[in-house]
N, C-alpha and C. Protein backbone atom coordinates (compact mmCIF):
# COMPACT_ATOMS: atom_id res chain seq x y z
N MET A 1 145.82 66.97 86.56
CA MET A 1 145.24 68.24 87.03
C MET A 1 145.53 69.36 86.04
N SER A 2 146.76 69.39 85.55
CA SER A 2 147.14 70.45 84.62
C SER A 2 146.34 70.35 83.34
N GLU A 3 145.99 69.08 82.94
CA GLU A 3 145.19 68.91 81.73
C GLU A 3 143.79 69.48 81.91
N ILE A 4 143.22 69.29 83.11
CA ILE A 4 141.88 69.81 83.40
C ILE A 4 141.87 71.33 83.35
N ILE A 5 142.90 71.92 83.99
CA ILE A 5 142.99 73.38 84.00
C ILE A 5 143.14 73.91 82.58
N ALA A 6 143.96 73.23 81.79
CA ALA A 6 144.17 73.66 80.42
C ALA A 6 142.87 73.56 79.62
N PHE A 7 142.09 72.50 79.86
CA PHE A 7 140.81 72.33 79.15
C PHE A 7 139.84 73.45 79.50
N ILE A 8 139.75 73.77 80.79
CA ILE A 8 138.84 74.83 81.24
C ILE A 8 139.24 76.15 80.63
N GLU A 9 140.57 76.44 80.65
CA GLU A 9 141.04 77.70 80.10
C GLU A 9 140.78 77.80 78.60
N SER A 10 140.90 76.69 77.91
CA SER A 10 140.71 76.72 76.46
C SER A 10 139.23 76.81 76.09
N ASN A 11 138.37 76.44 77.02
CA ASN A 11 136.93 76.43 76.72
C ASN A 11 136.13 77.42 77.57
N ILE A 12 136.82 78.33 78.22
CA ILE A 12 136.13 79.24 79.14
C ILE A 12 135.15 80.16 78.42
N GLU A 13 135.51 80.60 77.21
CA GLU A 13 134.60 81.46 76.46
C GLU A 13 133.32 80.72 76.10
N LEU A 14 133.50 79.45 75.69
CA LEU A 14 132.33 78.65 75.35
C LEU A 14 131.47 78.40 76.58
N THR A 15 132.11 78.17 77.74
CA THR A 15 131.37 77.94 78.98
C THR A 15 130.57 79.18 79.38
N ILE A 16 131.22 80.34 79.29
CA ILE A 16 130.53 81.59 79.63
C ILE A 16 129.38 81.84 78.67
N TYR A 17 129.62 81.60 77.39
CA TYR A 17 128.57 81.79 76.38
C TYR A 17 127.39 80.88 76.66
N GLY A 18 127.68 79.61 76.94
CA GLY A 18 126.61 78.65 77.22
C GLY A 18 125.81 79.03 78.45
N GLY A 19 126.50 79.48 79.49
CA GLY A 19 125.80 79.92 80.70
C GLY A 19 124.93 81.12 80.44
N GLY A 20 125.41 82.03 79.58
CA GLY A 20 124.62 83.21 79.24
C GLY A 20 123.36 82.85 78.49
N VAL A 21 123.49 81.87 77.58
CA VAL A 21 122.31 81.43 76.82
C VAL A 21 121.27 80.84 77.75
N VAL A 22 121.70 80.01 78.69
CA VAL A 22 120.77 79.40 79.65
C VAL A 22 120.07 80.47 80.47
N LEU A 23 120.83 81.48 80.92
CA LEU A 23 120.25 82.55 81.71
C LEU A 23 119.20 83.32 80.93
N VAL A 24 119.51 83.63 79.66
CA VAL A 24 118.56 84.35 78.81
C VAL A 24 117.29 83.54 78.62
N LEU A 25 117.43 82.24 78.39
CA LEU A 25 116.27 81.36 78.21
C LEU A 25 115.41 81.31 79.47
N LEU A 26 116.06 81.25 80.61
CA LEU A 26 115.32 81.22 81.87
C LEU A 26 114.55 82.52 82.09
N LEU A 27 115.19 83.66 81.81
CA LEU A 27 114.53 84.95 81.94
C LEU A 27 113.35 85.06 80.98
N PHE A 28 113.55 84.58 79.76
CA PHE A 28 112.46 84.60 78.77
C PHE A 28 111.28 83.77 79.26
N LEU A 29 111.57 82.59 79.83
CA LEU A 29 110.51 81.71 80.32
C LEU A 29 109.73 82.38 81.45
N VAL A 30 110.45 83.04 82.37
CA VAL A 30 109.78 83.72 83.48
C VAL A 30 108.86 84.82 82.97
N PHE A 31 109.36 85.65 82.06
CA PHE A 31 108.54 86.75 81.52
C PHE A 31 107.37 86.22 80.71
N PHE A 32 107.59 85.13 79.96
CA PHE A 32 106.51 84.55 79.17
C PHE A 32 105.40 84.02 80.06
N LEU A 33 105.76 83.32 81.14
CA LEU A 33 104.75 82.78 82.04
C LEU A 33 103.98 83.89 82.74
N ARG A 34 104.67 84.96 83.11
CA ARG A 34 103.98 86.10 83.74
C ARG A 34 103.03 86.76 82.75
N TYR A 35 103.49 86.93 81.52
CA TYR A 35 102.64 87.55 80.49
C TYR A 35 101.42 86.69 80.21
N ARG A 36 101.60 85.37 80.10
CA ARG A 36 100.48 84.49 79.84
C ARG A 36 99.48 84.52 80.99
N HIS A 37 99.99 84.56 82.22
CA HIS A 37 99.12 84.65 83.39
C HIS A 37 98.32 85.95 83.37
N LYS A 38 99.00 87.04 83.05
CA LYS A 38 98.34 88.35 83.03
C LYS A 38 97.28 88.42 81.94
N THR A 39 97.62 87.94 80.74
CA THR A 39 96.66 88.01 79.64
C THR A 39 95.49 87.07 79.87
N ALA A 40 95.73 85.91 80.49
CA ALA A 40 94.63 84.99 80.79
C ALA A 40 93.66 85.62 81.78
N THR A 41 94.21 86.31 82.78
CA THR A 41 93.36 87.00 83.75
C THR A 41 92.56 88.09 83.07
N ARG A 42 93.20 88.86 82.19
CA ARG A 42 92.51 89.94 81.49
C ARG A 42 91.41 89.39 80.59
N ARG A 43 91.66 88.29 79.91
CA ARG A 43 90.63 87.70 79.05
C ARG A 43 89.42 87.25 79.88
N ARG A 44 89.69 86.69 81.04
CA ARG A 44 88.60 86.24 81.91
C ARG A 44 87.80 87.43 82.41
N ILE A 45 88.49 88.49 82.79
CA ILE A 45 87.80 89.71 83.25
C ILE A 45 86.95 90.29 82.13
N ASN A 46 87.54 90.41 80.94
CA ASN A 46 86.81 90.97 79.81
C ASN A 46 85.57 90.15 79.49
N ALA A 47 85.71 88.83 79.48
CA ALA A 47 84.57 87.97 79.16
C ALA A 47 83.44 88.16 80.16
N SER A 48 83.76 88.28 81.44
CA SER A 48 82.73 88.47 82.46
C SER A 48 82.03 89.81 82.31
N ILE A 49 82.81 90.85 82.05
CA ILE A 49 82.24 92.19 81.92
C ILE A 49 81.40 92.30 80.65
N LEU A 50 81.86 91.72 79.58
CA LEU A 50 81.13 91.83 78.32
C LEU A 50 79.85 91.01 78.33
N SER A 51 79.71 90.10 79.28
CA SER A 51 78.48 89.33 79.39
C SER A 51 77.34 90.15 80.02
N ILE A 52 77.65 91.34 80.51
CA ILE A 52 76.63 92.19 81.12
C ILE A 52 75.59 92.59 80.08
N GLY A 53 76.04 92.82 78.84
CA GLY A 53 75.14 93.25 77.77
C GLY A 53 75.22 94.76 77.57
N GLY A 54 74.65 95.22 76.46
CA GLY A 54 74.68 96.65 76.14
C GLY A 54 75.90 97.01 75.33
N GLN A 55 76.54 98.10 75.70
CA GLN A 55 77.73 98.59 75.01
C GLN A 55 78.76 99.02 76.03
N ALA A 56 80.02 98.77 75.75
CA ALA A 56 81.06 99.09 76.73
C ALA A 56 82.26 99.74 76.06
N VAL A 57 82.92 100.62 76.82
CA VAL A 57 84.18 101.23 76.39
C VAL A 57 85.24 100.81 77.40
N GLU A 58 86.33 100.26 76.89
CA GLU A 58 87.43 99.83 77.75
C GLU A 58 88.56 100.85 77.72
N ASN A 59 89.06 101.19 78.91
CA ASN A 59 90.20 102.10 79.05
C ASN A 59 89.93 103.48 78.46
N THR A 60 89.22 104.29 79.22
CA THR A 60 88.97 105.66 78.79
C THR A 60 89.21 106.61 79.96
N GLU A 61 89.39 107.89 79.64
CA GLU A 61 89.67 108.88 80.66
C GLU A 61 88.71 110.06 80.53
N PHE A 62 88.44 110.69 81.68
CA PHE A 62 87.58 111.87 81.73
C PHE A 62 88.28 112.95 82.53
N ALA A 63 88.16 114.18 82.06
CA ALA A 63 88.75 115.31 82.78
C ALA A 63 87.94 115.59 84.04
N ASP A 64 88.65 115.86 85.14
CA ASP A 64 87.96 116.22 86.38
C ASP A 64 88.00 117.73 86.58
N ASP A 65 87.63 118.18 87.77
CA ASP A 65 87.52 119.62 88.04
C ASP A 65 88.84 120.26 88.48
N VAL A 66 89.90 119.47 88.57
CA VAL A 66 91.18 120.02 89.06
C VAL A 66 92.28 119.83 88.02
N ASP A 67 91.91 119.98 86.76
CA ASP A 67 92.87 119.90 85.66
C ASP A 67 93.59 118.56 85.59
N GLY A 68 92.89 117.52 85.99
CA GLY A 68 93.45 116.17 85.91
C GLY A 68 92.51 115.25 85.15
N ASN A 69 92.79 113.96 85.21
CA ASN A 69 91.96 112.98 84.55
C ASN A 69 91.71 111.80 85.48
N VAL A 70 90.56 111.18 85.31
CA VAL A 70 90.31 109.92 85.99
C VAL A 70 90.24 108.83 84.93
N HIS A 71 90.76 107.68 85.28
CA HIS A 71 90.79 106.56 84.35
C HIS A 71 89.71 105.55 84.74
N VAL A 72 88.95 105.11 83.74
CA VAL A 72 87.91 104.11 83.95
C VAL A 72 88.26 102.87 83.14
N ASP A 73 88.36 101.74 83.81
CA ASP A 73 88.72 100.50 83.11
C ASP A 73 87.63 100.09 82.12
N PHE A 74 86.38 100.08 82.58
CA PHE A 74 85.25 99.77 81.71
C PHE A 74 84.08 100.69 82.05
N LEU A 75 83.49 101.27 81.02
CA LEU A 75 82.27 102.06 81.17
C LEU A 75 81.19 101.36 80.35
N VAL A 76 80.17 100.84 81.04
CA VAL A 76 79.16 100.01 80.41
C VAL A 76 77.83 100.76 80.37
N TYR A 77 77.25 100.86 79.18
CA TYR A 77 75.91 101.42 79.03
C TYR A 77 74.95 100.26 78.80
N SER A 78 74.06 100.06 79.75
CA SER A 78 73.16 98.91 79.69
C SER A 78 71.84 99.24 80.39
N LYS A 79 70.75 99.01 79.69
CA LYS A 79 69.41 99.16 80.25
C LYS A 79 69.18 100.56 80.83
N GLY A 80 69.64 101.58 80.09
CA GLY A 80 69.40 102.96 80.47
C GLY A 80 70.27 103.49 81.58
N ARG A 81 71.30 102.76 81.97
CA ARG A 81 72.18 103.21 83.06
C ARG A 81 73.64 103.05 82.63
N LEU A 82 74.51 103.78 83.32
CA LEU A 82 75.94 103.65 83.10
C LEU A 82 76.57 103.01 84.33
N ILE A 83 77.44 102.04 84.09
CA ILE A 83 78.13 101.36 85.19
C ILE A 83 79.63 101.55 85.02
N VAL A 84 80.23 102.20 86.01
CA VAL A 84 81.68 102.44 86.03
C VAL A 84 82.34 101.25 86.73
N LEU A 85 83.19 100.55 86.00
CA LEU A 85 83.86 99.38 86.55
C LEU A 85 85.37 99.61 86.55
N ASN A 86 85.96 99.55 87.73
CA ASN A 86 87.41 99.60 87.86
C ASN A 86 87.89 98.27 88.43
N VAL A 87 88.91 97.71 87.78
CA VAL A 87 89.35 96.34 88.06
C VAL A 87 90.59 96.33 88.95
N GLN A 88 90.59 95.42 89.93
CA GLN A 88 91.74 95.21 90.81
C GLN A 88 92.15 93.75 90.73
N ASP A 89 93.46 93.50 90.66
CA ASP A 89 93.95 92.13 90.60
C ASP A 89 94.97 91.91 91.72
N TYR A 90 94.47 91.60 92.92
CA TYR A 90 95.31 91.35 94.09
C TYR A 90 95.13 89.90 94.51
N PRO A 91 96.15 89.06 94.37
CA PRO A 91 96.03 87.68 94.83
C PRO A 91 96.11 87.59 96.36
N GLY A 92 95.58 86.51 96.90
CA GLY A 92 95.65 86.30 98.33
C GLY A 92 94.38 86.71 99.04
N MET A 93 94.51 87.02 100.32
CA MET A 93 93.37 87.43 101.15
C MET A 93 93.33 88.95 101.26
N ILE A 94 92.14 89.51 101.07
CA ILE A 94 91.96 90.96 101.09
C ILE A 94 91.09 91.33 102.29
N PHE A 95 91.54 92.33 103.04
CA PHE A 95 90.79 92.82 104.19
C PHE A 95 90.58 94.33 104.00
N GLY A 96 89.33 94.74 104.05
CA GLY A 96 89.03 96.16 103.89
C GLY A 96 87.58 96.44 104.16
N GLY A 97 87.26 97.71 104.27
CA GLY A 97 85.89 98.14 104.51
C GLY A 97 85.62 99.45 103.80
N GLU A 98 84.35 99.78 103.68
CA GLU A 98 83.95 100.97 102.94
C GLU A 98 84.59 102.24 103.49
N LYS A 99 84.76 102.33 104.81
CA LYS A 99 85.29 103.54 105.42
C LYS A 99 86.72 103.38 105.92
N ILE A 100 87.40 102.33 105.50
CA ILE A 100 88.79 102.11 105.89
C ILE A 100 89.70 102.65 104.79
N ASP A 101 90.59 103.57 105.16
CA ASP A 101 91.43 104.23 104.15
C ASP A 101 92.42 103.28 103.48
N GLN A 102 93.05 102.42 104.28
CA GLN A 102 94.05 101.50 103.76
C GLN A 102 93.56 100.06 103.91
N TRP A 103 93.53 99.35 102.79
CA TRP A 103 93.16 97.95 102.82
C TRP A 103 94.42 97.10 102.89
N THR A 104 94.25 95.83 103.28
CA THR A 104 95.39 94.95 103.48
C THR A 104 95.29 93.72 102.58
N GLN A 105 96.41 93.39 101.96
CA GLN A 105 96.53 92.17 101.18
C GLN A 105 97.50 91.23 101.88
N MET A 106 97.06 90.00 102.15
CA MET A 106 97.92 88.98 102.73
C MET A 106 98.24 87.97 101.63
N PHE A 107 99.53 87.86 101.32
CA PHE A 107 99.91 86.98 100.21
C PHE A 107 101.34 86.48 100.42
N GLY A 108 101.52 85.18 100.30
CA GLY A 108 102.85 84.61 100.42
C GLY A 108 103.49 84.84 101.78
N GLY A 109 102.67 84.93 102.82
CA GLY A 109 103.20 85.15 104.16
C GLY A 109 103.54 86.59 104.45
N ASN A 110 103.25 87.49 103.53
CA ASN A 110 103.55 88.91 103.71
C ASN A 110 102.28 89.74 103.69
N SER A 111 102.37 90.94 104.27
CA SER A 111 101.24 91.85 104.34
C SER A 111 101.56 93.12 103.56
N PHE A 112 100.60 93.55 102.71
CA PHE A 112 100.78 94.75 101.90
C PHE A 112 99.58 95.66 102.06
N LYS A 113 99.82 96.96 102.05
CA LYS A 113 98.75 97.94 102.15
C LYS A 113 98.49 98.57 100.78
N PHE A 114 97.22 98.88 100.53
CA PHE A 114 96.88 99.64 99.33
C PHE A 114 95.66 100.50 99.62
N THR A 115 95.53 101.58 98.86
CA THR A 115 94.47 102.57 99.11
C THR A 115 93.10 101.97 98.81
N ASN A 116 92.14 102.30 99.66
CA ASN A 116 90.75 101.87 99.47
C ASN A 116 90.29 102.20 98.04
N PRO A 117 90.03 101.19 97.21
CA PRO A 117 89.66 101.46 95.81
C PRO A 117 88.27 102.06 95.67
N LEU A 118 87.45 101.98 96.71
CA LEU A 118 86.12 102.58 96.64
C LEU A 118 86.18 104.09 96.58
N ASP A 119 87.21 104.68 97.19
CA ASP A 119 87.36 106.14 97.14
C ASP A 119 87.54 106.61 95.70
N TYR A 120 88.41 105.93 94.97
CA TYR A 120 88.64 106.31 93.57
C TYR A 120 87.41 106.02 92.73
N SER A 121 86.72 104.93 93.03
CA SER A 121 85.50 104.61 92.29
C SER A 121 84.46 105.71 92.44
N ARG A 122 84.32 106.26 93.64
CA ARG A 122 83.36 107.34 93.87
C ARG A 122 83.74 108.59 93.07
N VAL A 123 85.04 108.89 93.02
CA VAL A 123 85.50 110.03 92.23
C VAL A 123 85.15 109.82 90.76
N CYS A 124 85.41 108.62 90.26
CA CYS A 124 85.10 108.31 88.86
C CYS A 124 83.62 108.48 88.57
N VAL A 125 82.79 108.00 89.47
CA VAL A 125 81.33 108.10 89.29
C VAL A 125 80.91 109.56 89.21
N GLN A 126 81.43 110.39 90.09
CA GLN A 126 81.06 111.81 90.09
C GLN A 126 81.48 112.50 88.79
N VAL A 127 82.69 112.17 88.31
CA VAL A 127 83.17 112.78 87.08
C VAL A 127 82.33 112.32 85.88
N VAL A 128 81.99 111.04 85.84
CA VAL A 128 81.17 110.51 84.74
C VAL A 128 79.77 111.11 84.78
N LYS A 129 79.23 111.34 85.98
CA LYS A 129 77.92 111.97 86.10
C LYS A 129 77.90 113.35 85.45
N GLN A 130 78.99 114.09 85.62
CA GLN A 130 79.07 115.42 85.02
C GLN A 130 79.09 115.33 83.49
N ARG A 131 79.69 114.27 82.98
CA ARG A 131 79.76 114.08 81.52
C ARG A 131 78.42 113.61 80.94
N PHE A 132 77.66 112.88 81.75
CA PHE A 132 76.38 112.32 81.28
C PHE A 132 75.26 112.70 82.26
N PRO A 133 74.82 113.95 82.24
CA PRO A 133 73.82 114.40 83.22
C PRO A 133 72.45 113.75 83.06
N ASN A 134 72.18 113.15 81.92
CA ASN A 134 70.87 112.55 81.69
C ASN A 134 70.87 111.03 81.83
N ILE A 135 71.96 110.49 82.38
CA ILE A 135 72.05 109.05 82.59
C ILE A 135 72.38 108.77 84.06
N LYS A 136 71.69 107.81 84.63
CA LYS A 136 71.99 107.39 86.00
C LYS A 136 73.29 106.60 86.00
N VAL A 137 74.21 106.98 86.90
CA VAL A 137 75.55 106.37 86.91
C VAL A 137 75.77 105.61 88.21
N PHE A 138 76.29 104.40 88.08
CA PHE A 138 76.63 103.56 89.23
C PHE A 138 78.09 103.14 89.12
N GLY A 139 78.67 102.76 90.25
CA GLY A 139 80.06 102.33 90.25
C GLY A 139 80.23 100.99 90.96
N GLN A 140 81.17 100.21 90.48
CA GLN A 140 81.48 98.92 91.10
C GLN A 140 82.96 98.63 90.92
N VAL A 141 83.61 98.22 92.02
CA VAL A 141 85.01 97.80 91.96
C VAL A 141 85.03 96.29 91.81
N VAL A 142 85.78 95.81 90.82
CA VAL A 142 85.79 94.38 90.50
C VAL A 142 87.16 93.79 90.83
N PHE A 143 87.18 92.82 91.74
CA PHE A 143 88.41 92.10 92.06
C PHE A 143 88.45 90.79 91.28
N SER A 144 89.62 90.47 90.76
CA SER A 144 89.76 89.24 89.98
C SER A 144 89.56 88.02 90.87
N HIS A 145 89.52 86.85 90.24
CA HIS A 145 89.31 85.60 90.96
C HIS A 145 90.51 85.20 91.81
N HIS A 146 91.60 85.96 91.74
CA HIS A 146 92.79 85.61 92.52
C HIS A 146 92.68 86.02 93.98
N GLY A 147 91.75 86.90 94.31
CA GLY A 147 91.64 87.41 95.68
C GLY A 147 90.39 86.91 96.38
N ASP A 148 90.49 86.75 97.69
CA ASP A 148 89.35 86.34 98.52
C ASP A 148 89.17 87.34 99.66
N PHE A 149 87.94 87.48 100.12
CA PHE A 149 87.61 88.37 101.23
C PHE A 149 87.08 87.52 102.39
N PRO A 150 87.98 87.03 103.23
CA PRO A 150 87.56 86.10 104.29
C PRO A 150 86.63 86.73 105.34
N LYS A 151 86.65 88.05 105.46
CA LYS A 151 85.78 88.71 106.43
C LYS A 151 84.62 89.45 105.78
N GLY A 152 84.34 89.11 104.54
CA GLY A 152 83.21 89.72 103.86
C GLY A 152 83.63 90.77 102.84
N ILE A 153 82.79 90.93 101.82
CA ILE A 153 83.07 91.88 100.74
C ILE A 153 82.33 93.19 101.00
N PRO A 154 83.03 94.31 100.99
CA PRO A 154 82.37 95.61 101.23
C PRO A 154 81.34 95.94 100.15
N GLU A 155 80.38 96.75 100.50
CA GLU A 155 79.39 97.23 99.54
C GLU A 155 80.10 97.99 98.42
N GLY A 156 79.69 97.73 97.18
CA GLY A 156 80.30 98.38 96.04
C GLY A 156 81.48 97.64 95.46
N VAL A 157 81.76 96.44 96.02
CA VAL A 157 82.86 95.61 95.55
C VAL A 157 82.30 94.26 95.10
N SER A 158 82.84 93.74 94.00
CA SER A 158 82.45 92.41 93.52
C SER A 158 83.69 91.58 93.24
N ARG A 159 83.62 90.30 93.59
CA ARG A 159 84.58 89.37 93.03
C ARG A 159 84.11 89.03 91.63
N LEU A 160 85.05 88.71 90.76
CA LEU A 160 84.71 88.48 89.37
C LEU A 160 83.62 87.43 89.21
N ASP A 161 83.68 86.37 90.01
CA ASP A 161 82.71 85.29 89.90
C ASP A 161 81.30 85.74 90.30
N ASP A 162 81.20 86.82 91.05
CA ASP A 162 79.90 87.30 91.53
C ASP A 162 79.42 88.54 90.79
N LEU A 163 80.17 88.96 89.79
CA LEU A 163 79.88 90.24 89.15
C LEU A 163 78.48 90.28 88.56
N MET A 164 78.09 89.27 87.81
CA MET A 164 76.79 89.30 87.15
C MET A 164 75.65 89.41 88.15
N SER A 165 75.71 88.64 89.23
CA SER A 165 74.63 88.70 90.23
C SER A 165 74.61 90.06 90.92
N ASP A 166 75.77 90.68 91.11
CA ASP A 166 75.81 92.02 91.73
C ASP A 166 75.28 93.07 90.77
N ILE A 167 75.61 92.94 89.48
CA ILE A 167 75.10 93.89 88.49
C ILE A 167 73.58 93.82 88.41
N GLU A 168 73.03 92.63 88.55
CA GLU A 168 71.57 92.47 88.48
C GLU A 168 70.86 93.21 89.62
N LYS A 169 71.59 93.51 90.69
CA LYS A 169 71.00 94.24 91.81
C LYS A 169 70.94 95.74 91.55
N ILE A 170 71.69 96.22 90.57
CA ILE A 170 71.67 97.64 90.24
C ILE A 170 70.36 97.96 89.52
N PRO A 171 69.64 98.97 89.97
CA PRO A 171 68.32 99.25 89.39
C PRO A 171 68.37 99.49 87.88
N VAL A 172 67.43 98.87 87.18
CA VAL A 172 67.25 99.13 85.75
C VAL A 172 66.42 100.40 85.60
N ILE A 173 66.85 101.30 84.73
CA ILE A 173 66.17 102.58 84.56
C ILE A 173 65.02 102.41 83.58
N GLU A 174 63.82 102.60 84.08
CA GLU A 174 62.63 102.47 83.25
C GLU A 174 62.32 103.80 82.55
N GLY A 175 61.45 103.74 81.55
CA GLY A 175 60.98 104.96 80.90
C GLY A 175 61.78 105.33 79.67
N ASP A 176 61.71 106.60 79.32
CA ASP A 176 62.33 107.11 78.09
C ASP A 176 63.82 107.37 78.32
N HIS A 177 64.67 106.74 77.49
CA HIS A 177 66.11 106.90 77.61
C HIS A 177 66.69 107.77 76.50
N GLU A 178 65.84 108.47 75.77
CA GLU A 178 66.29 109.15 74.55
C GLU A 178 67.40 110.16 74.83
N ALA A 179 67.20 111.02 75.85
CA ALA A 179 68.21 112.05 76.13
C ALA A 179 69.53 111.42 76.53
N GLY A 180 69.47 110.41 77.37
CA GLY A 180 70.70 109.73 77.77
C GLY A 180 71.35 109.00 76.63
N LEU A 181 70.55 108.38 75.78
CA LEU A 181 71.10 107.64 74.65
C LEU A 181 71.81 108.58 73.68
N ILE A 182 71.25 109.78 73.50
CA ILE A 182 71.90 110.77 72.63
C ILE A 182 73.26 111.16 73.20
N GLU A 183 73.33 111.35 74.53
CA GLU A 183 74.61 111.67 75.17
C GLU A 183 75.62 110.54 74.96
N TRP A 184 75.16 109.33 75.15
CA TRP A 184 76.06 108.17 75.03
C TRP A 184 76.56 108.01 73.60
N GLN A 185 75.66 108.11 72.64
CA GLN A 185 76.06 107.96 71.24
C GLN A 185 77.03 109.07 70.81
N GLY A 186 76.79 110.28 71.32
CA GLY A 186 77.71 111.37 71.03
C GLY A 186 79.09 111.10 71.61
N PHE A 187 79.13 110.50 72.79
CA PHE A 187 80.40 110.15 73.42
C PHE A 187 81.13 109.08 72.61
N ILE A 188 80.40 108.06 72.18
CA ILE A 188 81.00 106.99 71.40
C ILE A 188 81.60 107.54 70.11
N GLU A 189 80.91 108.46 69.47
CA GLU A 189 81.40 109.04 68.22
C GLU A 189 82.61 109.94 68.44
N SER A 190 82.75 110.47 69.64
CA SER A 190 83.81 111.45 69.89
C SER A 190 85.13 110.81 70.30
N ILE A 191 85.08 109.58 70.83
CA ILE A 191 86.32 108.99 71.35
C ILE A 191 87.14 108.39 70.21
N SER A 192 88.43 108.33 70.43
CA SER A 192 89.35 107.77 69.44
C SER A 192 89.75 106.37 69.91
N THR A 193 89.30 105.36 69.17
CA THR A 193 89.64 103.99 69.55
C THR A 193 91.02 103.62 69.04
N ASN A 194 91.71 102.78 69.80
CA ASN A 194 93.04 102.31 69.43
C ASN A 194 93.27 100.96 70.12
N LYS A 195 94.52 100.56 70.23
CA LYS A 195 94.80 99.27 70.85
C LYS A 195 94.49 99.26 72.33
N VAL A 196 94.38 100.44 72.94
CA VAL A 196 94.11 100.53 74.38
C VAL A 196 92.63 100.81 74.64
N THR A 197 92.10 101.83 73.97
CA THR A 197 90.69 102.19 74.13
C THR A 197 89.86 101.45 73.09
N ARG A 198 88.92 100.65 73.58
CA ARG A 198 88.12 99.83 72.67
C ARG A 198 86.64 99.97 72.99
N VAL A 199 85.81 99.84 71.96
CA VAL A 199 84.36 99.87 72.12
C VAL A 199 83.81 98.48 71.79
N TYR A 200 82.97 97.97 72.69
CA TYR A 200 82.41 96.65 72.51
C TYR A 200 80.89 96.74 72.38
N GLU A 201 80.35 96.06 71.41
CA GLU A 201 78.90 95.90 71.26
C GLU A 201 78.53 94.55 71.87
N MET A 202 77.63 94.54 72.83
CA MET A 202 77.26 93.31 73.52
C MET A 202 75.78 93.04 73.35
N GLN A 203 75.43 91.79 73.39
CA GLN A 203 74.02 91.41 73.26
C GLN A 203 73.32 91.54 74.61
């Protein structure tokens, strides 16, 4: 027994060091898997949105009327119209309605509340309309493929898998788009692109 105690005491620093290394590796693995999951979801979202066609700006902000800013995940100019897309990534079952202030997420046996994202989408649309008075502006909230709506999807909301078919329902603006196109091109020239704000040319 005394030999065992002596061995442990003589190697305690090595034991602690080894345990610390294992803990660091486990933490790294957890963060890596979360990061890979997040980036995979973002790539899937981007690919779906960029398939709409036209031109898009990712992650941009507009000043509102109360000395603040609204953030738009994607602003798409396509077929003479602007589409404001704000993305939500809530796994599990989602319950909500157009006029319900608080929506519910059921996930992992727990219930979570979050603010109706349609309210913010409407604010974004109004602010973008002020910036582009000669372009018709529409808004859509996009939920990733991780969430389901067992009681139906509210108007103005799309699951990622249904985004293209929902976008096709938005009216295409016929006629002369020159004034709106000038506004859009001026906006594109004025923004500063970086690792966060990006401009995409789509077919």
